[in-house]
Amino acid sequence: MPKTFRVGLIGYKFMGRAHSNAWRQAPKFFDLKANIEMHTICGRNEAGVRAMAERWGWRKYVTDFRQLVQDPDIDLVDVAVPNNMHPDIVIAAAEAGKAVACEKPLARSLKEAKPMLAAVKKAKVPSFVWFNYRRVPALAFARQLIAAGRIGKVFHVRAQYLQDWIKDPNMPLTWRVSKSGTGTGALGDLGAHCIDLCRFLTGDEFTEVCGVLNTFVKQRPLGAMVGGLDASTAKGPKKMGKVDVDDATIFMTRFASGALGSFEATRFATGHHNNNFVEINGEKGAIRFSFPNFSTLEFFDDTLPRSEKGWRKISVTVGQDPYSGKYWPADHVIGYAETFINTAADIIEHLAGKTKTFHANFEDGLRTQEVLEAVVVSAAEKRWVNIKEFR
């Protein structure tokens, strides 16, 4: 009889919906070695969390995360709330002996993240970070190509995460643009994905960084953002609050291998609603990916005769990656939601013992947090910062 893992989810807004869909759909597309029970969902607004439980099929709902964490029936605590709440929940869950899955970044700062890793290590419980871009099929395939040596020694890594949803100055001040809620702005929200993705693709480590942070809109109206996305229709009261996180960041890096990297994360890139872009250039070839072209990987093979060289667009839907064949026939594309479904499936397979290691875990999360911290220090002190300073 397959084991059943009972999941408790804390958070019911944007990421709560993405995670709920993932837990619900994973067993429908994957032949998992264990079952999933959507046991309890937690949110502070009782009416909201009750409606969420009914809509998505959670068996129970609670309004206090401690009640969920202490429930002996729950095996895995999934944390999908603002960054300032991560440490308390994660540490409590680990101390209660639960496996823990946490949204990125781990915390608002490296100081907060370190005890989180220490807690899961001390409790000897599995840890998972929802770096969902690792499970984009095209990027999983890109990793395979790089690991197989198809692009050879890496020279350059360039990554951009471009959005434009907060450039309207009338968008209210929310936790995503407040240091008390998020720690950093575009850097932690978007740059964390770029940092983790490049570690995942190359297997390389950041050694030092040099960066700048910039805030374009210094004050915003106080109030709740409408719908979580549409800044153009959000109308807050006239009372203003200070924006104390970055709207945009640009930083350079050196990797342990000797490769150079350039990174940009911004929520002011007019014309880009959600573009996660990465290009890696090596001695034998190169790869590049852009999120709007989700099911396509571009590959340049520099070992071909000169007359045959050029960027090739590969449709990653026909079995090249670990997730092809789980959904639809070739060229029936999947999308953003499936990256979370893929993650949920991999979490359950790991808990069931099918895989010995899981990526990304809290160790990976801490490596990303170190780079984020180094960029913050670099921008403040206007110097190159070595990652070793934080270990």
Protein backbone atom coordinates (compact mmCIF):
# COMPACT_ATOMS: atom_id res chain seq x y z
CA MET A 1 0.00 0.00 0.00
CA PRO A 2 1.61 3.35 -1.02
CA LYS A 3 2.30 5.80 1.79
CA THR A 4 0.20 8.95 1.93
CA PHE A 5 1.91 12.26 2.66
CA ARG A 6 -0.42 14.77 4.27
CA VAL A 7 0.35 18.35 3.28
CA GLY A 8 -0.34 21.49 5.28
CA LEU A 9 -0.14 24.75 3.29
CA ILE A 10 0.34 28.15 4.94
CA GLY A 11 -0.74 30.96 2.61
CA TYR A 12 -3.66 31.24 0.21
CA LYS A 13 -3.05 34.16 -2.16
CA PHE A 14 -0.93 34.08 -5.37
CA MET A 15 1.57 31.42 -4.32
CA GLY A 16 -1.07 29.62 -2.27
CA ARG A 17 -3.08 29.09 -5.45
CA ALA A 18 -0.01 27.96 -7.39
CA HIS A 19 0.91 25.45 -4.67
CA SER A 20 -2.68 24.23 -4.20
CA ASN A 21 -2.95 23.54 -7.91
CA ALA A 22 0.39 21.72 -7.82
CA TRP A 23 -0.57 19.40 -4.96
CA ARG A 24 -3.94 18.72 -6.57
CA GLN A 25 -2.62 18.01 -10.06
CA ALA A 26 0.69 16.20 -9.42
CA PRO A 27 -0.84 12.73 -8.87
CA LYS A 28 -3.03 13.16 -11.94
CA PHE A 29 -0.06 13.59 -14.29
CA PHE A 30 2.70 11.65 -12.51
CA ASP A 31 2.72 8.01 -11.43
CA LEU A 32 3.94 8.83 -7.96
CA LYS A 33 5.38 6.33 -5.48
CA ALA A 34 3.18 7.83 -2.75
CA ASN A 35 -0.19 9.52 -2.38
CA ILE A 36 -0.87 13.17 -1.56
CA GLU A 37 -3.55 14.35 0.85
CA MET A 38 -4.34 18.07 0.85
CA HIS A 39 -4.94 18.07 4.59
CA THR A 40 -4.99 21.63 5.97
CA ILE A 41 -4.60 25.16 4.66
CA CYS A 42 -3.86 28.15 6.89
CA GLY A 43 -4.57 31.86 6.48
CA ARG A 44 -5.21 34.74 8.87
CA ASN A 45 -8.49 35.79 7.23
CA GLU A 46 -11.02 33.11 8.13
CA ALA A 47 -13.49 33.90 5.36
CA GLY A 48 -10.75 33.97 2.76
CA VAL A 49 -9.01 30.78 3.82
CA ARG A 50 -12.33 28.94 4.20
CA ALA A 51 -13.26 29.87 0.63
CA MET A 52 -9.83 28.77 -0.55
CA ALA A 53 -10.18 25.40 1.19
CA GLU A 54 -13.57 24.81 -0.39
CA ARG A 55 -12.47 25.86 -3.88
CA TRP A 56 -9.25 23.85 -3.98
CA GLY A 57 -10.21 20.78 -1.97
CA TRP A 58 -8.31 21.22 1.29
CA ARG A 59 -9.83 18.99 3.95
CA LYS A 60 -9.47 21.51 6.80
CA TYR A 61 -8.58 25.14 7.33
CA VAL A 62 -7.09 26.99 10.31
CA THR A 63 -6.15 30.61 11.01
CA ASP A 64 -3.10 30.00 13.24
CA PHE A 65 -0.01 28.46 11.67
CA ARG A 66 0.96 26.95 15.03
CA GLN A 67 -2.15 24.82 14.97
CA LEU A 68 -1.18 23.46 11.56
CA VAL A 69 2.48 22.90 12.47
CA GLN A 70 1.61 21.02 15.65
CA ASP A 71 -0.96 18.76 13.99
CA PRO A 72 0.44 15.20 14.30
CA ASP A 73 -1.37 14.16 11.13
CA ILE A 74 0.61 16.53 8.88
CA ASP A 75 3.84 15.27 7.30
CA LEU A 76 4.90 18.25 5.16
CA VAL A 77 4.52 21.97 5.93
CA ASP A 78 4.44 24.13 2.79
CA VAL A 79 5.24 27.83 3.39
CA ALA A 80 3.79 30.27 0.85
CA VAL A 81 3.51 33.53 2.79
CA PRO A 82 5.46 36.84 2.73
CA ASN A 83 9.17 36.58 3.47
CA ASN A 84 9.01 38.09 6.97
CA MET A 85 6.94 35.11 8.15
CA HIS A 86 9.23 32.38 6.78
CA PRO A 87 11.67 31.97 9.71
CA ASP A 88 9.14 31.50 12.51
CA ILE A 89 7.07 29.01 10.54
CA VAL A 90 10.00 27.02 9.14
CA ILE A 91 11.77 26.72 12.50
CA ALA A 92 8.55 25.71 14.26
CA ALA A 93 7.80 23.11 11.58
CA ALA A 94 11.31 21.64 11.77
CA GLU A 95 11.14 21.46 15.57
CA ALA A 96 7.83 19.61 15.21
CA GLY A 97 9.59 17.04 12.99
CA LYS A 98 7.89 18.05 9.74
CA ALA A 99 9.41 18.10 6.29
CA VAL A 100 9.43 21.73 5.11
CA ALA A 101 8.91 23.29 1.68
CA CYS A 102 9.46 27.06 1.54
CA GLU A 103 8.94 29.72 -1.10
CA LYS A 104 11.95 31.72 -2.27
CA PRO A 105 13.91 33.52 -1.06
CA LEU A 106 14.32 31.70 2.24
CA ALA A 107 14.14 34.91 4.27
CA ARG A 108 14.58 38.67 4.27
CA SER A 109 18.28 38.37 5.05
CA LEU A 110 21.14 35.95 5.50
CA LYS A 111 20.90 36.49 9.27
CA GLU A 112 17.35 35.11 9.20
CA ALA A 113 18.09 32.31 6.73
CA LYS A 114 20.96 30.69 8.63
CA PRO A 115 18.84 29.57 11.62
CA MET A 116 16.31 28.12 9.19
CA LEU A 117 18.92 25.85 7.65
CA ALA A 118 20.28 25.02 11.11
CA ALA A 119 16.78 24.04 12.26
CA VAL A 120 16.12 21.52 9.47
CA LYS A 121 19.62 20.09 9.91
CA LYS A 122 19.19 19.70 13.66
CA ALA A 123 15.78 18.07 13.23
CA LYS A 124 17.07 15.94 10.33
CA VAL A 125 13.98 16.70 8.28
CA PRO A 126 13.86 17.06 4.47
CA SER A 127 13.87 20.62 3.14
CA PHE A 128 12.71 22.00 -0.20
CA VAL A 129 12.74 25.46 -1.82
CA TRP A 130 10.22 26.33 -4.55
CA PHE A 131 12.71 27.51 -7.16
CA ASN A 132 10.20 26.48 -9.80
CA TYR A 133 12.24 27.66 -12.81
CA ARG A 134 14.55 24.69 -12.27
CA ARG A 135 11.61 22.64 -13.51
CA VAL A 136 10.92 24.47 -16.75
CA PRO A 137 11.43 21.65 -19.28
CA ALA A 138 13.64 23.76 -21.55
CA LEU A 139 15.90 24.69 -18.65
CA ALA A 140 16.07 21.13 -17.34
CA PHE A 141 17.17 20.12 -20.84
CA ALA A 142 19.69 22.98 -20.97
CA ARG A 143 21.25 21.66 -17.78
CA GLN A 144 21.60 18.24 -19.40
CA LEU A 145 23.35 19.76 -22.42
CA ILE A 146 25.77 21.73 -20.24
CA ALA A 147 26.49 18.74 -17.98
CA ALA A 148 27.20 16.62 -21.07
CA GLY A 149 29.84 19.14 -22.17
CA ARG A 150 27.96 20.33 -25.24
CA ILE A 151 28.91 23.97 -24.71
CA GLY A 152 32.30 23.22 -23.11
CA LYS A 153 33.99 25.55 -20.64
CA VAL A 154 31.66 28.39 -19.69
CA PHE A 155 32.90 31.94 -20.32
CA HIS A 156 29.83 34.12 -19.79
CA VAL A 157 26.57 33.87 -17.87
CA ARG A 158 24.01 36.62 -18.38
CA ALA A 159 20.62 36.62 -16.75
CA GLN A 160 17.76 39.07 -16.64
CA TYR A 161 14.42 38.98 -14.88
CA LEU A 162 12.32 41.83 -16.26
CA GLN A 163 8.88 42.94 -15.07
CA ASP A 164 7.03 46.26 -15.18
CA TRP A 165 4.12 45.87 -12.78
CA ILE A 166 5.09 48.47 -10.16
CA LYS A 167 6.23 51.35 -12.35
CA ASP A 168 2.89 53.12 -11.84
CA PRO A 169 3.62 55.43 -8.86
CA ASN A 170 -0.03 55.12 -7.77
CA MET A 171 0.35 51.44 -6.98
CA PRO A 172 -0.05 51.18 -3.20
CA LEU A 173 2.71 50.32 -0.78
CA THR A 174 2.50 46.59 -0.08
CA TRP A 175 4.79 44.01 1.52
CA ARG A 176 6.61 43.45 -1.77
CA VAL A 177 7.89 47.03 -1.72
CA SER A 178 8.53 47.21 2.02
CA LYS A 179 11.75 46.08 3.68
CA SER A 180 9.87 44.88 6.75
CA GLY A 181 7.90 42.45 4.61
CA THR A 182 10.33 41.36 1.94
CA GLY A 183 13.92 42.33 2.86
CA THR A 184 14.82 43.48 -0.64
CA GLY A 185 12.75 44.38 -3.67
CA ALA A 186 13.49 43.23 -7.20
CA LEU A 187 16.77 41.73 -5.98
CA GLY A 188 15.19 39.12 -3.71
CA ASP A 189 11.94 38.71 -5.60
CA LEU A 190 13.40 38.27 -9.09
CA GLY A 191 17.18 38.20 -8.72
CA ALA A 192 16.93 35.18 -6.43
CA HIS A 193 15.50 33.18 -9.34
CA CYS A 194 18.37 34.26 -11.62
CA ILE A 195 21.02 33.38 -9.04
CA ASP A 196 19.59 29.95 -8.30
CA LEU A 197 18.94 29.17 -11.95
CA CYS A 198 22.54 29.88 -12.95
CA ARG A 199 23.85 27.70 -10.11
CA PHE A 200 21.49 24.96 -11.29
CA LEU A 201 22.44 25.21 -14.97
CA THR A 202 26.20 25.49 -14.64
CA GLY A 203 26.93 23.71 -11.35
CA ASP A 204 29.21 26.67 -10.66
CA GLU A 205 29.38 28.89 -7.58
CA PHE A 206 29.44 32.67 -7.19
CA THR A 207 32.69 33.92 -5.64
CA GLU A 208 32.31 37.72 -5.65
CA VAL A 209 29.87 40.37 -6.80
CA CYS A 210 29.70 44.07 -7.51
CA GLY A 211 26.28 45.66 -7.79
CA VAL A 212 23.99 48.66 -7.63
CA LEU A 213 20.45 49.00 -6.32
CA ASN A 214 18.03 51.73 -7.36
CA THR A 215 14.61 52.91 -6.20
CA PHE A 216 12.76 54.94 -8.83
CA VAL A 217 9.59 55.66 -6.83
CA LYS A 218 10.47 56.79 -3.31
CA GLN A 219 6.94 56.95 -1.86
CA ARG A 220 3.69 55.11 -2.55
CA PRO A 221 0.10 55.44 -1.32
CA LEU A 222 -0.73 53.33 1.70
CA GLY A 223 -3.31 50.62 1.02
CA ALA A 224 -3.88 47.13 -0.31
CA MET A 225 -3.04 46.35 -3.93
CA VAL A 226 -6.07 45.35 -5.99
CA GLY A 227 -5.88 41.81 -7.33
CA GLY A 228 -2.16 41.51 -6.65
CA LEU A 229 -1.17 42.44 -10.19
CA ASP A 230 -2.88 45.36 -11.91
CA ALA A 231 -1.15 48.57 -10.85
CA SER A 232 -3.06 50.67 -13.37
CA THR A 233 -6.37 50.31 -11.49
CA ALA A 234 -5.03 50.32 -7.92
CA LYS A 235 -6.14 53.40 -6.01
CA GLY A 236 -4.84 53.98 -2.52
CA PRO A 237 -5.49 56.79 -0.03
CA LYS A 238 -3.48 59.97 -0.26
CA LYS A 239 -1.38 59.20 2.81
CA MET A 240 2.05 58.12 1.57
CA GLY A 241 4.58 55.60 2.81
CA LYS A 242 8.30 55.31 2.13
CA VAL A 243 9.57 52.70 -0.34
CA ASP A 244 12.69 51.30 1.31
CA VAL A 245 13.62 48.49 -1.11
CA ASP A 246 15.07 48.43 -4.60
CA ASP A 247 12.95 48.73 -7.73
CA ALA A 248 15.87 47.48 -9.83
CA THR A 249 19.31 45.95 -9.43
CA ILE A 250 22.24 45.26 -11.73
CA PHE A 251 25.28 43.32 -10.62
CA MET A 252 28.36 41.63 -11.99
CA THR A 253 29.86 38.44 -10.67
CA ARG A 254 32.84 36.13 -10.91
CA PHE A 255 32.33 32.39 -10.65
CA ALA A 256 34.63 29.76 -9.15
CA SER A 257 35.36 28.40 -12.63
CA GLY A 258 36.59 31.80 -13.85
CA ALA A 259 33.42 32.59 -15.77
CA LEU A 260 31.97 36.10 -15.67
CA GLY A 261 28.31 36.92 -15.06
CA SER A 262 26.02 39.89 -15.50
CA PHE A 263 22.63 40.02 -13.80
CA GLU A 264 19.69 42.40 -13.96
CA ALA A 265 16.43 42.29 -12.01
CA THR A 266 13.84 45.01 -12.33
CA ARG A 267 10.14 45.65 -11.94
CA PHE A 268 10.37 48.81 -14.09
CA ALA A 269 11.17 47.24 -17.48
CA THR A 270 8.42 48.73 -19.61
CA GLY A 271 7.09 46.17 -22.07
CA HIS A 272 8.15 43.15 -20.02
CA HIS A 273 5.39 41.66 -17.90
CA ASN A 274 7.38 38.57 -16.88
CA ASN A 275 10.53 37.76 -18.82
CA ASN A 276 13.08 35.49 -17.17
CA PHE A 277 15.99 35.35 -19.62
CA VAL A 278 19.29 33.49 -19.44
CA GLU A 279 22.14 33.02 -21.91
CA ILE A 280 25.31 30.99 -21.29
CA ASN A 281 28.27 31.15 -23.68
CA GLY A 282 30.92 28.43 -23.72
CA GLU A 283 33.91 27.38 -25.78
CA LYS A 284 31.94 24.81 -27.81
CA GLY A 285 28.50 26.37 -27.89
CA ALA A 286 25.84 28.38 -26.11
CA ILE A 287 22.29 28.16 -24.82
CA ARG A 288 19.64 30.78 -24.24
CA PHE A 289 16.11 30.82 -22.92
CA SER A 290 13.37 33.42 -22.58
CA PHE A 291 10.30 32.71 -20.47
CA PRO A 292 7.72 34.00 -23.00
CA ASN A 293 9.01 31.24 -25.31
CA PHE A 294 8.47 28.68 -22.58
CA SER A 295 8.75 25.47 -24.59
CA THR A 296 11.74 26.53 -26.70
CA LEU A 297 15.46 26.30 -25.97
CA GLU A 298 17.91 28.01 -28.29
CA PHE A 299 21.20 26.18 -28.85
CA PHE A 300 24.31 27.25 -30.76
CA ASP A 301 26.68 24.42 -31.67
CA ASP A 302 30.10 25.92 -32.39
CA THR A 303 31.57 22.53 -33.31
CA LEU A 304 29.67 22.44 -36.61
CA PRO A 305 31.23 23.53 -39.92
CA ARG A 306 31.13 27.31 -40.30
CA SER A 307 28.51 27.07 -43.03
CA GLU A 308 26.13 25.23 -40.69
CA LYS A 309 26.51 27.34 -37.54
CA GLY A 310 23.56 29.28 -36.20
CA TRP A 311 21.11 29.45 -33.34
CA ARG A 312 18.71 26.50 -33.43
CA LYS A 313 15.30 26.62 -31.80
CA ILE A 314 14.56 23.31 -30.12
CA SER A 315 10.98 22.51 -29.16
CA VAL A 316 11.38 20.89 -25.76
CA THR A 317 8.20 18.81 -25.82
CA VAL A 318 9.31 15.47 -27.25
CA GLY A 319 11.17 13.72 -24.48
CA GLN A 320 14.45 15.55 -23.96
CA ASP A 321 13.79 16.56 -20.34
CA PRO A 322 12.57 14.78 -17.17
CA TYR A 323 9.00 16.07 -17.59
CA SER A 324 8.20 15.41 -21.24
CA GLY A 325 5.55 12.77 -21.70
CA LYS A 326 3.89 13.61 -18.38
CA TYR A 327 1.34 15.94 -19.91
CA TRP A 328 0.43 16.10 -23.62
CA PRO A 329 1.78 14.90 -27.00
CA ALA A 330 4.68 16.68 -28.73
CA ASP A 331 4.21 20.42 -29.35
CA HIS A 332 1.20 20.62 -27.03
CA VAL A 333 2.87 23.13 -24.75
CA ILE A 334 2.65 23.43 -20.99
CA GLY A 335 3.35 26.55 -18.91
CA TYR A 336 3.95 28.32 -15.62
CA ALA A 337 1.56 26.24 -13.52
CA GLU A 338 3.26 23.02 -14.56
CA THR A 339 6.59 24.15 -13.10
CA PHE A 340 4.94 23.97 -9.67
CA ILE A 341 3.29 20.64 -10.48
CA ASN A 342 6.70 19.28 -11.50
CA THR A 343 8.17 20.55 -8.22
CA ALA A 344 5.40 19.01 -6.12
CA ALA A 345 5.84 15.67 -7.90
CA ASP A 346 9.60 15.71 -7.29
CA ILE A 347 9.06 16.55 -3.61
CA ILE A 348 6.75 13.57 -3.12
CA GLU A 349 9.07 11.22 -5.02
CA HIS A 350 11.92 12.30 -2.76
CA LEU A 351 9.86 11.81 0.39
CA ALA A 352 8.85 8.37 -0.90
CA GLY A 353 12.52 7.42 -1.27
CA LYS A 354 12.71 7.37 -5.05
CA THR A 355 15.50 9.99 -5.10
CA LYS A 356 18.40 10.36 -2.64
CA THR A 357 18.80 14.10 -3.05
CA PHE A 358 16.48 16.96 -3.90
CA HIS A 359 17.22 20.27 -5.57
CA ALA A 360 16.75 22.97 -4.50
CA ASN A 361 17.00 22.34 -0.75
CA PHE A 362 17.75 24.76 2.09
CA GLU A 363 21.49 24.50 1.39
CA ASP A 364 20.78 25.83 -2.11
CA GLY A 365 18.51 28.47 -0.63
CA LEU A 366 21.28 29.66 1.67
CA ARG A 367 23.78 29.87 -1.21
CA THR A 368 21.35 32.18 -3.01
CA GLN A 369 20.82 34.20 0.17
CA GLU A 370 24.58 34.71 0.46
CA VAL A 371 24.72 36.22 -3.01
CA LEU A 372 21.73 38.47 -2.29
CA GLU A 373 23.46 39.68 0.89
CA ALA A 374 26.69 40.32 -0.99
CA VAL A 375 24.91 42.45 -3.58
CA VAL A 376 23.26 44.52 -0.84
CA VAL A 377 26.62 45.11 0.87
CA SER A 378 28.32 45.88 -2.45
CA ALA A 379 25.72 48.48 -3.36
CA ALA A 380 25.95 50.11 0.07
CA GLU A 381 29.75 50.12 0.27
CA LYS A 382 30.46 50.59 -3.45
CA ARG A 383 32.96 47.73 -3.74
CA TRP A 384 33.45 44.16 -4.89
CA VAL A 385 32.29 41.77 -2.17
CA ASN A 386 33.61 38.22 -1.76
CA ILE A 387 31.01 35.61 -0.83
CA LYS A 388 33.46 34.16 1.73
CA GLU A 389 32.79 37.20 3.88
CA PHE A 390 29.45 35.64 4.83
CA ARG A 391 30.60 32.12 5.72
